Amino acid sequence: SGANTIYASSMKGRFTISRDNAKNT
């Protein structure tokens, strides 16, 4: 909903979460 992403503070800026809907990944 809203395509929001959230991060733990220690990972923000170093880690990126993303998705590929076509691959369900």
PDB file of all heavy atoms in Angstrom:
ATOM      1  N   SER A   1       0.834  -1.186   0.000  1.00  0.00           N
ATOM      2  CA  SER A   1       0.000   0.000   0.000  1.00  0.00           C
ATOM      3  C   SER A   1       0.874   1.243   0.000  1.00  0.00           C
ATOM      4  O   SER A   1       1.610   1.500   0.946  1.00  0.00           O
ATOM      5  CB  SER A   1      -0.916  -0.001   1.223  1.00  0.00           C
ATOM      6  OG  SER A   1      -1.656   1.194   1.277  1.00  0.00           O
ATOM      7  N   GLY A   2       0.858   1.982  -1.060  1.00  0.00           N
ATOM      8  CA  GLY A   2       1.661   3.186  -1.153  1.00  0.00           C
ATOM      9  C   GLY A   2       3.093   2.934  -1.545  1.00  0.00           C
ATOM     10  O   GLY A   2       3.884   3.856  -1.677  1.00  0.00           O
ATOM     11  N   ALA A   3       3.446   1.645  -1.724  1.00  0.00           N
ATOM     12  CA  ALA A   3       4.814   1.296  -2.118  1.00  0.00           C
ATOM     13  C   ALA A   3       5.836   1.905  -1.177  1.00  0.00           C
ATOM     14  O   ALA A   3       6.888   2.375  -1.601  1.00  0.00           O
ATOM     15  CB  ALA A   3       5.089   1.715  -3.557  1.00  0.00           C
ATOM     16  N   ASN A   4       5.495   1.919   0.130  1.00  0.00           N
ATOM     17  CA  ASN A   4       6.414   2.470   1.109  1.00  0.00           C
ATOM     18  C   ASN A   4       7.548   1.506   1.400  1.00  0.00           C
ATOM     19  O   ASN A   4       7.372   0.285   1.385  1.00  0.00           O
ATOM     20  CB  ASN A   4       5.673   2.753   2.416  1.00  0.00           C
ATOM     21  CG  ASN A   4       4.710   3.902   2.295  1.00  0.00           C
ATOM     22  OD1 ASN A   4       4.896   4.794   1.485  1.00  0.00           O
ATOM     23  ND2 ASN A   4       3.663   3.883   3.099  1.00  0.00           N
ATOM     24  N   THR A   5       8.707   2.079   1.696  1.00  0.00           N
ATOM     25  CA  THR A   5       9.820   1.280   2.195  1.00  0.00           C
ATOM     26  C   THR A   5      10.277   1.871   3.514  1.00  0.00           C
ATOM     27  O   THR A   5      10.286   3.092   3.690  1.00  0.00           O
ATOM     28  CB  THR A   5      11.000   1.259   1.217  1.00  0.00           C
ATOM     29  OG1 THR A   5      11.403   2.604   0.930  1.00  0.00           O
ATOM     30  CG2 THR A   5      10.623   0.570  -0.088  1.00  0.00           C
ATOM     31  N   ILE A   6      10.617   1.010   4.444  1.00  0.00           N
ATOM     32  CA  ILE A   6      11.137   1.455   5.738  1.00  0.00           C
ATOM     33  C   ILE A   6      12.384   0.660   6.056  1.00  0.00           C
ATOM     34  O   ILE A   6      12.537  -0.482   5.615  1.00  0.00           O
ATOM     35  CB  ILE A   6      10.089   1.312   6.860  1.00  0.00           C
ATOM     36  CG1 ILE A   6       9.549  -0.120   6.947  1.00  0.00           C
ATOM     37  CG2 ILE A   6       8.954   2.298   6.668  1.00  0.00           C
ATOM     38  CD1 ILE A   6       8.616  -0.341   8.129  1.00  0.00           C
ATOM     39  N   TYR A   7      13.276   1.269   6.849  1.00  0.00           N
ATOM     40  CA  TYR A   7      14.551   0.673   7.163  1.00  0.00           C
ATOM     41  C   TYR A   7      14.871   0.831   8.638  1.00  0.00           C
ATOM     42  O   TYR A   7      14.465   1.805   9.272  1.00  0.00           O
ATOM     43  CB  TYR A   7      15.670   1.339   6.354  1.00  0.00           C
ATOM     44  CG  TYR A   7      15.532   1.172   4.867  1.00  0.00           C
ATOM     45  CD1 TYR A   7      14.812   2.078   4.103  1.00  0.00           C
ATOM     46  CD2 TYR A   7      16.138   0.097   4.225  1.00  0.00           C
ATOM     47  CE1 TYR A   7      14.687   1.912   2.744  1.00  0.00           C
ATOM     48  CE2 TYR A   7      16.015  -0.074   2.859  1.00  0.00           C
ATOM     49  CZ  TYR A   7      15.289   0.840   2.118  1.00  0.00           C
ATOM     50  OH  TYR A   7      15.163   0.671   0.760  1.00  0.00           O
ATOM     51  N   ALA A   8      15.652  -0.096   9.150  1.00  0.00           N
ATOM     52  CA  ALA A   8      16.249   0.113  10.459  1.00  0.00           C
ATOM     53  C   ALA A   8      17.252   1.252  10.322  1.00  0.00           C
ATOM     54  O   ALA A   8      17.902   1.391   9.277  1.00  0.00           O
ATOM     55  CB  ALA A   8      16.933  -1.161  10.936  1.00  0.00           C
ATOM     56  N   SER A   9      17.384   2.035  11.344  1.00  0.00           N
ATOM     57  CA  SER A   9      18.214   3.238  11.244  1.00  0.00           C
ATOM     58  C   SER A   9      19.665   2.905  10.899  1.00  0.00           C
ATOM     59  O   SER A   9      20.313   3.645  10.150  1.00  0.00           O
ATOM     60  CB  SER A   9      18.145   4.030  12.548  1.00  0.00           C
ATOM     61  OG  SER A   9      18.536   3.213  13.641  1.00  0.00           O
ATOM     62  N   SER A  10      20.170   1.792  11.388  1.00  0.00           N
ATOM     63  CA  SER A  10      21.583   1.454  11.146  1.00  0.00           C
ATOM     64  C   SER A  10      21.834   0.974   9.720  1.00  0.00           C
ATOM     65  O   SER A  10      22.982   0.921   9.275  1.00  0.00           O
ATOM     66  CB  SER A  10      22.040   0.388  12.138  1.00  0.00           C
ATOM     67  OG  SER A  10      21.291  -0.801  11.988  1.00  0.00           O
ATOM     68  N   MET A  11      20.781   0.621   8.996  1.00  0.00           N
ATOM     69  CA  MET A  11      20.925   0.142   7.624  1.00  0.00           C
ATOM     70  C   MET A  11      20.552   1.190   6.593  1.00  0.00           C
ATOM     71  O   MET A  11      20.912   1.056   5.426  1.00  0.00           O
ATOM     72  CB  MET A  11      20.045  -1.097   7.384  1.00  0.00           C
ATOM     73  CG  MET A  11      20.500  -2.348   8.117  1.00  0.00           C
ATOM     74  SD  MET A  11      19.961  -2.341   9.816  1.00  0.00           S
ATOM     75  CE  MET A  11      20.151  -4.017  10.310  1.00  0.00           C
ATOM     76  N   LYS A  12      19.826   2.208   7.017  1.00  0.00           N
ATOM     77  CA  LYS A  12      19.368   3.207   6.056  1.00  0.00           C
ATOM     78  C   LYS A  12      20.558   3.886   5.412  1.00  0.00           C
ATOM     79  O   LYS A  12      21.496   4.296   6.081  1.00  0.00           O
ATOM     80  CB  LYS A  12      18.472   4.238   6.751  1.00  0.00           C
ATOM     81  CG  LYS A  12      17.678   5.093   5.793  1.00  0.00           C
ATOM     82  CD  LYS A  12      16.644   5.919   6.531  1.00  0.00           C
ATOM     83  CE  LYS A  12      15.758   6.682   5.555  1.00  0.00           C
ATOM     84  NZ  LYS A  12      14.722   7.469   6.235  1.00  0.00           N
ATOM     85  N   GLY A  13      20.495   3.975   4.084  1.00  0.00           N
ATOM     86  CA  GLY A  13      21.597   4.551   3.343  1.00  0.00           C
ATOM     87  C   GLY A  13      22.592   3.524   2.843  1.00  0.00           C
ATOM     88  O   GLY A  13      23.332   3.778   1.893  1.00  0.00           O
ATOM     89  N   ARG A  14      22.625   2.347   3.467  1.00  0.00           N
ATOM     90  CA  ARG A  14      23.516   1.276   3.010  1.00  0.00           C
ATOM     91  C   ARG A  14      22.743   0.150   2.338  1.00  0.00           C
ATOM     92  O   ARG A  14      23.237  -0.473   1.397  1.00  0.00           O
ATOM     93  CB  ARG A  14      24.300   0.684   4.190  1.00  0.00           C
ATOM     94  CG  ARG A  14      25.224   1.641   4.878  1.00  0.00           C
ATOM     95  CD  ARG A  14      26.140   0.901   5.837  1.00  0.00           C
ATOM     96  NE  ARG A  14      25.420   0.155   6.854  1.00  0.00           N
ATOM     97  CZ  ARG A  14      25.616  -1.123   7.128  1.00  0.00           C
ATOM     98  NH1 ARG A  14      26.489  -1.842   6.435  1.00  0.00           N
ATOM     99  NH2 ARG A  14      24.925  -1.713   8.090  1.00  0.00           N
ATOM    100  N   PHE A  15      21.539  -0.113   2.826  1.00  0.00           N
ATOM    101  CA  PHE A  15      20.716  -1.207   2.299  1.00  0.00           C
ATOM    102  C   PHE A  15      19.534  -0.639   1.521  1.00  0.00           C
ATOM    103  O   PHE A  15      18.979   0.401   1.902  1.00  0.00           O
ATOM    104  CB  PHE A  15      20.185  -2.070   3.434  1.00  0.00           C
ATOM    105  CG  PHE A  15      21.230  -2.872   4.166  1.00  0.00           C
ATOM    106  CD1 PHE A  15      22.587  -2.706   3.932  1.00  0.00           C
ATOM    107  CD2 PHE A  15      20.849  -3.823   5.101  1.00  0.00           C
ATOM    108  CE1 PHE A  15      23.543  -3.456   4.617  1.00  0.00           C
ATOM    109  CE2 PHE A  15      21.776  -4.572   5.802  1.00  0.00           C
ATOM    110  CZ  PHE A  15      23.130  -4.391   5.548  1.00  0.00           C
ATOM    111  N   THR A  16      19.136  -1.349   0.477  1.00  0.00           N
ATOM    112  CA  THR A  16      17.968  -0.949  -0.309  1.00  0.00           C
ATOM    113  C   THR A  16      17.088  -2.165  -0.566  1.00  0.00           C
ATOM    114  O   THR A  16      17.575  -3.181  -1.083  1.00  0.00           O
ATOM    115  CB  THR A  16      18.381  -0.331  -1.645  1.00  0.00           C
ATOM    116  OG1 THR A  16      19.224   0.805  -1.405  1.00  0.00           O
ATOM    117  CG2 THR A  16      17.155   0.120  -2.426  1.00  0.00           C
ATOM    118  N   ILE A  17      15.824  -2.050  -0.214  1.00  0.00           N
ATOM    119  CA  ILE A  17      14.862  -3.111  -0.501  1.00  0.00           C
ATOM    120  C   ILE A  17      14.071  -2.729  -1.740  1.00  0.00           C
ATOM    121  O   ILE A  17      13.712  -1.565  -1.922  1.00  0.00           O
ATOM    122  CB  ILE A  17      13.937  -3.374   0.710  1.00  0.00           C
ATOM    123  CG1 ILE A  17      13.093  -4.620   0.503  1.00  0.00           C
ATOM    124  CG2 ILE A  17      13.070  -2.160   1.031  1.00  0.00           C
ATOM    125  CD1 ILE A  17      12.333  -5.066   1.751  1.00  0.00           C
ATOM    126  N   SER A  18      13.815  -3.707  -2.588  1.00  0.00           N
ATOM    127  CA  SER A  18      13.061  -3.455  -3.810  1.00  0.00           C
ATOM    128  C   SER A  18      12.310  -4.730  -4.191  1.00  0.00           C
ATOM    129  O   SER A  18      12.530  -5.791  -3.616  1.00  0.00           O
ATOM    130  CB  SER A  18      13.978  -3.011  -4.943  1.00  0.00           C
ATOM    131  OG  SER A  18      14.905  -4.037  -5.253  1.00  0.00           O
ATOM    132  N   ARG A  19      11.447  -4.611  -5.161  1.00  0.00           N
ATOM    133  CA  ARG A  19      10.674  -5.779  -5.570  1.00  0.00           C
ATOM    134  C   ARG A  19      10.507  -5.802  -7.079  1.00  0.00           C
ATOM    135  O   ARG A  19      10.497  -4.765  -7.733  1.00  0.00           O
ATOM    136  CB  ARG A  19       9.301  -5.787  -4.908  1.00  0.00           C
ATOM    137  CG  ARG A  19       8.412  -4.622  -5.296  1.00  0.00           C
ATOM    138  CD  ARG A  19       7.032  -4.751  -4.690  1.00  0.00           C
ATOM    139  NE  ARG A  19       6.201  -3.583  -4.952  1.00  0.00           N
ATOM    140  CZ  ARG A  19       4.902  -3.528  -4.739  1.00  0.00           C
ATOM    141  NH1 ARG A  19       4.264  -4.576  -4.268  1.00  0.00           N
ATOM    142  NH2 ARG A  19       4.217  -2.423  -4.992  1.00  0.00           N
ATOM    143  N   ASP A  20      10.346  -7.000  -7.591  1.00  0.00           N
ATOM    144  CA  ASP A  20      10.032  -7.228  -8.991  1.00  0.00           C
ATOM    145  C   ASP A  20       8.714  -7.977  -9.002  1.00  0.00           C
ATOM    146  O   ASP A  20       8.668  -9.170  -8.720  1.00  0.00           O
ATOM    147  CB  ASP A  20      11.146  -8.039  -9.659  1.00  0.00           C
ATOM    148  CG  ASP A  20      10.908  -8.230 -11.150  1.00  0.00           C
ATOM    149  OD1 ASP A  20       9.729  -8.264 -11.572  1.00  0.00           O
ATOM    150  OD2 ASP A  20      11.898  -8.354 -11.879  1.00  0.00           O
ATOM    151  N   ASN A  21       7.633  -7.277  -9.298  1.00  0.00           N
ATOM    152  CA  ASN A  21       6.311  -7.889  -9.241  1.00  0.00           C
ATOM    153  C   ASN A  21       6.169  -9.043 -10.215  1.00  0.00           C
ATOM    154  O   ASN A  21       5.527 -10.047  -9.917  1.00  0.00           O
ATOM    155  CB  ASN A  21       5.242  -6.837  -9.513  1.00  0.00           C
ATOM    156  CG  ASN A  21       5.113  -5.841  -8.384  1.00  0.00           C
ATOM    157  OD1 ASN A  21       5.453  -6.141  -7.250  1.00  0.00           O
ATOM    158  ND2 ASN A  21       4.631  -4.654  -8.694  1.00  0.00           N
ATOM    159  N   ALA A  22       6.759  -8.895 -11.384  1.00  0.00           N
ATOM    160  CA  ALA A  22       6.622  -9.937 -12.402  1.00  0.00           C
ATOM    161  C   ALA A  22       7.256 -11.250 -11.943  1.00  0.00           C
ATOM    162  O   ALA A  22       6.814 -12.333 -12.324  1.00  0.00           O
ATOM    163  CB  ALA A  22       7.245  -9.478 -13.706  1.00  0.00           C
ATOM    164  N   LYS A  23       8.281 -11.145 -11.116  1.00  0.00           N
ATOM    165  CA  LYS A  23       8.988 -12.336 -10.641  1.00  0.00           C
ATOM    166  C   LYS A  23       8.581 -12.725  -9.229  1.00  0.00           C
ATOM    167  O   LYS A  23       9.107 -13.691  -8.680  1.00  0.00           O
ATOM    168  CB  LYS A  23      10.496 -12.116 -10.698  1.00  0.00           C
ATOM    169  CG  LYS A  23      11.050 -11.904 -12.102  1.00  0.00           C
ATOM    170  CD  LYS A  23      12.558 -11.720 -12.075  1.00  0.00           C
ATOM    171  CE  LYS A  23      13.111 -11.546 -13.482  1.00  0.00           C
ATOM    172  NZ  LYS A  23      14.593 -11.361 -13.476  1.00  0.00           N
ATOM    173  N   ASN A  24       7.675 -11.962  -8.625  1.00  0.00           N
ATOM    174  CA  ASN A  24       7.301 -12.213  -7.221  1.00  0.00           C
ATOM    175  C   ASN A  24       8.538 -12.329  -6.339  1.00  0.00           C
ATOM    176  O   ASN A  24       8.643 -13.231  -5.498  1.00  0.00           O
ATOM    177  CB  ASN A  24       6.452 -13.486  -7.098  1.00  0.00           C
ATOM    178  CG  ASN A  24       5.026 -13.267  -7.552  1.00  0.00           C
ATOM    179  OD1 ASN A  24       4.473 -12.188  -7.394  1.00  0.00           O
ATOM    180  ND2 ASN A  24       4.434 -14.294  -8.139  1.00  0.00           N
ATOM    181  N   THR A  25       9.447 -11.417  -6.541  1.00  0.00           N
ATOM    182  CA  THR A  25      10.724 -11.470  -5.840  1.00  0.00           C
ATOM    183  C   THR A  25      11.022 -10.123  -5.190  1.00  0.00           C
ATOM    184  O   THR A  25      10.777  -9.074  -5.797  1.00  0.00           O
ATOM    185  CB  THR A  25      11.857 -11.854  -6.801  1.00  0.00           C
ATOM    186  OG1 THR A  25      11.588 -13.150  -7.343  1.00  0.00           O
ATOM    187  CG2 THR A  25      13.192 -11.882  -6.093  1.00  0.00           C
TER     188      THR A  25
END
